[in-house]
């Protein structure tokens, strides 16, 4: 038997799943250009996003939904040809993921909300590690310089944060 969730909560879960698909793809690009010095940090982030993605697939299914599929490829917001651009992409991926988890925090209740808050915090910490900069309210587009970032192009969803496009 499926759990109950509001339509907004299921939409936010699907948006988080779409963002995780894009982050996994994006970190594949990052890993190819990041250089030896930061490869461990990129691999840790890649593994974290894969684990979150897999958990979200199970969660959407438990709610009776059909998990949004990963795209075969994603448009990158800029060419990633060297370590500097790979670091910039990694920071953008994390900022975007934080945004969709902020939406999920707003839509969810109980344990799902706590899990979304933890994912938001983890993404915000990784974004700071990559960029060296922080924002007062991670995940809120109006607080992110440039109105948000979206790293690997995400498939369109009903969530405003999930449809952000890269501006950097």
C-alpha atoms as a PDB file:
ATOM      1  CA  UNK A   1       0.000   0.000   0.000  1.00  0.00           C
ATOM      2  CA  UNK A   2       1.297   3.467  -0.885  1.00  0.00           C
ATOM      3  CA  UNK A   3       1.840   6.280   1.583  1.00  0.00           C
ATOM      4  CA  UNK A   4      -0.088   9.496   1.155  1.00  0.00           C
ATOM      5  CA  UNK A   5       1.518  12.708  -0.036  1.00  0.00           C
ATOM      6  CA  UNK A   6       0.097  15.923  -1.349  1.00  0.00           C
ATOM      7  CA  UNK A   7       0.411  16.618  -5.082  1.00  0.00           C
ATOM      8  CA  UNK A   8       2.829  19.448  -4.222  1.00  0.00           C
ATOM      9  CA  UNK A   9       4.990  17.091  -2.189  1.00  0.00           C
ATOM     10  CA  UNK A  10       5.137  14.494  -4.956  1.00  0.00           C
ATOM     11  CA  UNK A  11       5.961  17.231  -7.495  1.00  0.00           C
ATOM     12  CA  UNK A  12       8.758  18.492  -5.237  1.00  0.00           C
ATOM     13  CA  UNK A  13      10.078  14.930  -4.812  1.00  0.00           C
ATOM     14  CA  UNK A  14      10.110  14.482  -8.586  1.00  0.00           C
ATOM     15  CA  UNK A  15      11.925  17.822  -9.000  1.00  0.00           C
ATOM     16  CA  UNK A  16      14.533  16.719  -6.449  1.00  0.00           C
ATOM     17  CA  UNK A  17      14.938  13.449  -8.340  1.00  0.00           C
ATOM     18  CA  UNK A  18      15.378  15.318 -11.641  1.00  0.00           C
ATOM     19  CA  UNK A  19      18.005  17.548 -10.008  1.00  0.00           C
ATOM     20  CA  UNK A  20      19.836  14.511  -8.653  1.00  0.00           C
ATOM     21  CA  UNK A  21      19.844  12.909 -12.118  1.00  0.00           C
ATOM     22  CA  UNK A  22      21.378  16.115 -13.506  1.00  0.00           C
ATOM     23  CA  UNK A  23      23.907  16.310 -10.649  1.00  0.00           C
ATOM     24  CA  UNK A  24      25.056  12.732 -11.237  1.00  0.00           C
ATOM     25  CA  UNK A  25      25.541  13.547 -14.925  1.00  0.00           C
ATOM     26  CA  UNK A  26      27.267  16.832 -14.104  1.00  0.00           C
ATOM     27  CA  UNK A  27      29.689  15.217 -11.689  1.00  0.00           C
ATOM     28  CA  UNK A  28      30.643  12.783 -14.441  1.00  0.00           C
ATOM     29  CA  UNK A  29      31.810  15.812 -16.408  1.00  0.00           C
ATOM     30  CA  UNK A  30      33.437  17.374 -13.344  1.00  0.00           C
ATOM     31  CA  UNK A  31      35.363  14.178 -12.634  1.00  0.00           C
ATOM     32  CA  UNK A  32      36.887  14.205 -16.079  1.00  0.00           C
ATOM     33  CA  UNK A  33      38.282  17.727 -15.716  1.00  0.00           C
ATOM     34  CA  UNK A  34      38.791  18.333 -12.005  1.00  0.00           C
ATOM     35  CA  UNK A  35      42.357  17.131 -11.672  1.00  0.00           C
ATOM     36  CA  UNK A  36      43.916  14.799  -9.163  1.00  0.00           C
ATOM     37  CA  UNK A  37      43.915  17.271  -6.253  1.00  0.00           C
ATOM     38  CA  UNK A  38      40.101  17.507  -6.080  1.00  0.00           C
ATOM     39  CA  UNK A  39      39.133  14.136  -7.518  1.00  0.00           C
ATOM     40  CA  UNK A  40      38.334  12.645  -4.086  1.00  0.00           C
ATOM     41  CA  UNK A  41      35.959  15.501  -3.246  1.00  0.00           C
ATOM     42  CA  UNK A  42      34.241  15.126  -6.618  1.00  0.00           C
ATOM     43  CA  UNK A  43      33.901  11.355  -6.161  1.00  0.00           C
ATOM     44  CA  UNK A  44      32.406  11.816  -2.689  1.00  0.00           C
ATOM     45  CA  UNK A  45      29.849  14.287  -4.072  1.00  0.00           C
ATOM     46  CA  UNK A  46      29.071  11.998  -7.020  1.00  0.00           C
ATOM     47  CA  UNK A  47      28.453   9.076  -4.656  1.00  0.00           C
ATOM     48  CA  UNK A  48      26.259  11.233  -2.393  1.00  0.00           C
ATOM     49  CA  UNK A  49      24.107  12.337  -5.330  1.00  0.00           C
ATOM     50  CA  UNK A  50      23.776   8.767  -6.604  1.00  0.00           C
ATOM     51  CA  UNK A  51      22.640   7.640  -3.149  1.00  0.00           C
ATOM     52  CA  UNK A  52      20.109  10.490  -2.874  1.00  0.00           C
ATOM     53  CA  UNK A  53      18.871   9.764  -6.393  1.00  0.00           C
ATOM     54  CA  UNK A  54      18.335   6.098  -5.595  1.00  0.00           C
ATOM     55  CA  UNK A  55      16.537   6.932  -2.331  1.00  0.00           C
ATOM     56  CA  UNK A  56      14.261   9.387  -4.154  1.00  0.00           C
ATOM     57  CA  UNK A  57      13.372   6.759  -6.761  1.00  0.00           C
ATOM     58  CA  UNK A  58      12.281   4.427  -3.956  1.00  0.00           C
ATOM     59  CA  UNK A  59      10.379   7.205  -2.221  1.00  0.00           C
ATOM     60  CA  UNK A  60       8.454   8.262  -5.336  1.00  0.00           C
ATOM     61  CA  UNK A  61       7.542   4.636  -5.973  1.00  0.00           C
ATOM     62  CA  UNK A  62       6.405   4.180  -2.362  1.00  0.00           C
ATOM     63  CA  UNK A  63       3.998   7.058  -2.951  1.00  0.00           C
ATOM     64  CA  UNK A  64       2.590   5.352  -6.036  1.00  0.00           C
ATOM     65  CA  UNK A  65       4.356   7.660  -8.486  1.00  0.00           C
ATOM     66  CA  UNK A  66       6.429   6.831 -11.534  1.00  0.00           C
ATOM     67  CA  UNK A  67       9.918   8.272 -10.927  1.00  0.00           C
ATOM     68  CA  UNK A  68      11.043  10.833 -13.476  1.00  0.00           C
ATOM     69  CA  UNK A  69      13.666   9.280 -15.741  1.00  0.00           C
ATOM     70  CA  UNK A  70      17.138  10.596 -16.277  1.00  0.00           C
ATOM     71  CA  UNK A  71      17.824  12.254 -19.598  1.00  0.00           C
ATOM     72  CA  UNK A  72      20.396  10.714 -21.904  1.00  0.00           C
ATOM     73  CA  UNK A  73      22.357  13.946 -21.634  1.00  0.00           C
ATOM     74  CA  UNK A  74      22.116  17.428 -20.177  1.00  0.00           C
ATOM     75  CA  UNK A  75      23.119  20.804 -21.567  1.00  0.00           C
ATOM     76  CA  UNK A  76      25.947  22.269 -19.556  1.00  0.00           C
ATOM     77  CA  UNK A  77      25.708  25.974 -18.708  1.00  0.00           C
ATOM     78  CA  UNK A  78      29.202  26.640 -20.062  1.00  0.00           C
ATOM     79  CA  UNK A  79      32.099  24.688 -21.560  1.00  0.00           C
ATOM     80  CA  UNK A  80      33.994  22.618 -18.991  1.00  0.00           C
ATOM     81  CA  UNK A  81      37.522  22.394 -20.312  1.00  0.00           C
ATOM     82  CA  UNK A  82      39.726  22.681 -17.234  1.00  0.00           C
ATOM     83  CA  UNK A  83      39.870  22.481 -13.446  1.00  0.00           C
ATOM     84  CA  UNK A  84      38.531  26.024 -12.913  1.00  0.00           C
ATOM     85  CA  UNK A  85      35.432  25.453 -15.015  1.00  0.00           C
ATOM     86  CA  UNK A  86      34.912  22.008 -13.421  1.00  0.00           C
ATOM     87  CA  UNK A  87      34.967  23.606  -9.962  1.00  0.00           C
ATOM     88  CA  UNK A  88      32.508  26.252 -11.152  1.00  0.00           C
ATOM     89  CA  UNK A  89      30.208  23.551 -12.520  1.00  0.00           C
ATOM     90  CA  UNK A  90      30.373  21.578  -9.268  1.00  0.00           C
ATOM     91  CA  UNK A  91      29.432  24.678  -7.253  1.00  0.00           C
ATOM     92  CA  UNK A  92      26.549  25.392  -9.635  1.00  0.00           C
ATOM     93  CA  UNK A  93      25.299  21.815  -9.401  1.00  0.00           C
ATOM     94  CA  UNK A  94      25.208  22.053  -5.624  1.00  0.00           C
ATOM     95  CA  UNK A  95      23.470  25.441  -5.630  1.00  0.00           C
ATOM     96  CA  UNK A  96      20.797  24.085  -7.958  1.00  0.00           C
ATOM     97  CA  UNK A  97      20.283  20.949  -5.884  1.00  0.00           C
ATOM     98  CA  UNK A  98      19.978  23.102  -2.758  1.00  0.00           C
ATOM     99  CA  UNK A  99      17.222  25.064  -4.501  1.00  0.00           C
ATOM    100  CA  UNK A 100      15.091  22.038  -5.263  1.00  0.00           C
ATOM    101  CA  UNK A 101      15.571  20.676  -1.768  1.00  0.00           C
ATOM    102  CA  UNK A 102      14.425  24.039  -0.389  1.00  0.00           C
ATOM    103  CA  UNK A 103      11.225  23.523  -2.399  1.00  0.00           C
ATOM    104  CA  UNK A 104      10.882  20.024  -0.967  1.00  0.00           C
ATOM    105  CA  UNK A 105      11.359  21.338   2.582  1.00  0.00           C
ATOM    106  CA  UNK A 106       8.472  23.730   1.959  1.00  0.00           C
ATOM    107  CA  UNK A 107       6.227  21.004   0.497  1.00  0.00           C
ATOM    108  CA  UNK A 108       7.018  18.073   2.809  1.00  0.00           C
ATOM    109  CA  UNK A 109       6.082  17.156   6.331  1.00  0.00           C
ATOM    110  CA  UNK A 110       7.587  15.024   9.059  1.00  0.00           C
ATOM    111  CA  UNK A 111      10.510  12.720   8.297  1.00  0.00           C
ATOM    112  CA  UNK A 112      10.487  13.622   4.596  1.00  0.00           C
ATOM    113  CA  UNK A 113      10.898  17.283   5.498  1.00  0.00           C
ATOM    114  CA  UNK A 114      13.789  16.494   7.847  1.00  0.00           C
ATOM    115  CA  UNK A 115      15.469  14.433   5.137  1.00  0.00           C
ATOM    116  CA  UNK A 116      15.023  17.245   2.611  1.00  0.00           C
ATOM    117  CA  UNK A 117      16.514  19.741   5.081  1.00  0.00           C
ATOM    118  CA  UNK A 118      19.516  17.465   5.553  1.00  0.00           C
ATOM    119  CA  UNK A 119      19.965  17.193   1.774  1.00  0.00           C
ATOM    120  CA  UNK A 120      19.694  20.983   1.459  1.00  0.00           C
ATOM    121  CA  UNK A 121      22.349  21.435   4.148  1.00  0.00           C
ATOM    122  CA  UNK A 122      24.691  18.905   2.510  1.00  0.00           C
ATOM    123  CA  UNK A 123      24.358  20.565  -0.901  1.00  0.00           C
ATOM    124  CA  UNK A 124      24.931  24.017   0.601  1.00  0.00           C
ATOM    125  CA  UNK A 125      28.082  22.830   2.373  1.00  0.00           C
ATOM    126  CA  UNK A 126      29.423  21.254  -0.820  1.00  0.00           C
ATOM    127  CA  UNK A 127      28.627  24.456  -2.752  1.00  0.00           C
ATOM    128  CA  UNK A 128      30.660  26.476  -0.251  1.00  0.00           C
ATOM    129  CA  UNK A 129      33.536  23.996  -0.461  1.00  0.00           C
ATOM    130  CA  UNK A 130      33.614  24.284  -4.237  1.00  0.00           C
ATOM    131  CA  UNK A 131      33.036  28.021  -4.583  1.00  0.00           C
ATOM    132  CA  UNK A 132      34.587  29.379  -1.411  1.00  0.00           C
ATOM    133  CA  UNK A 133      31.503  31.582  -1.025  1.00  0.00           C
ATOM    134  CA  UNK A 134      28.295  31.188   0.894  1.00  0.00           C
ATOM    135  CA  UNK A 135      24.844  32.713   0.966  1.00  0.00           C
ATOM    136  CA  UNK A 136      22.716  33.492   3.983  1.00  0.00           C
ATOM    137  CA  UNK A 137      19.777  31.398   2.765  1.00  0.00           C
ATOM    138  CA  UNK A 138      21.019  28.473   0.663  1.00  0.00           C
ATOM    139  CA  UNK A 139      18.505  27.222  -1.849  1.00  0.00           C
ATOM    140  CA  UNK A 140      16.515  30.435  -2.090  1.00  0.00           C
ATOM    141  CA  UNK A 141      16.929  31.899  -5.574  1.00  0.00           C
ATOM    142  CA  UNK A 142      16.388  35.458  -4.466  1.00  0.00           C
ATOM    143  CA  UNK A 143      19.389  35.112  -2.162  1.00  0.00           C
ATOM    144  CA  UNK A 144      21.738  33.548  -4.713  1.00  0.00           C
ATOM    145  CA  UNK A 145      23.702  36.107  -6.749  1.00  0.00           C
ATOM    146  CA  UNK A 146      22.302  36.168 -10.264  1.00  0.00           C
ATOM    147  CA  UNK A 147      18.929  34.749  -9.184  1.00  0.00           C
ATOM    148  CA  UNK A 148      20.004  31.152  -9.018  1.00  0.00           C
ATOM    149  CA  UNK A 149      22.113  28.819 -10.975  1.00  0.00           C
ATOM    150  CA  UNK A 150      21.326  25.611 -12.618  1.00  0.00           C
ATOM    151  CA  UNK A 151      24.263  23.569 -13.502  1.00  0.00           C
ATOM    152  CA  UNK A 152      23.631  20.682 -15.809  1.00  0.00           C
ATOM    153  CA  UNK A 153      20.467  21.603 -17.663  1.00  0.00           C
ATOM    154  CA  UNK A 154      17.553  20.018 -15.899  1.00  0.00           C
ATOM    155  CA  UNK A 155      14.473  18.598 -17.486  1.00  0.00           C
ATOM    156  CA  UNK A 156      11.484  20.896 -17.034  1.00  0.00           C
ATOM    157  CA  UNK A 157       9.292  20.242 -14.012  1.00  0.00           C
ATOM    158  CA  UNK A 158       6.470  21.992 -12.252  1.00  0.00           C
ATOM    159  CA  UNK A 159       8.841  23.234  -9.558  1.00  0.00           C
ATOM    160  CA  UNK A 160      10.150  26.755 -10.052  1.00  0.00           C
ATOM    161  CA  UNK A 161      13.542  25.882  -8.620  1.00  0.00           C
ATOM    162  CA  UNK A 162      13.877  22.786 -10.749  1.00  0.00           C
ATOM    163  CA  UNK A 163      13.489  24.780 -13.931  1.00  0.00           C
ATOM    164  CA  UNK A 164      16.160  27.367 -13.143  1.00  0.00           C
ATOM    165  CA  UNK A 165      18.701  27.733 -15.916  1.00  0.00           C
ATOM    166  CA  UNK A 166      22.356  28.566 -15.521  1.00  0.00           C
ATOM    167  CA  UNK A 167      23.171  32.227 -15.456  1.00  0.00           C
ATOM    168  CA  UNK A 168      26.862  31.959 -14.777  1.00  0.00           C
END
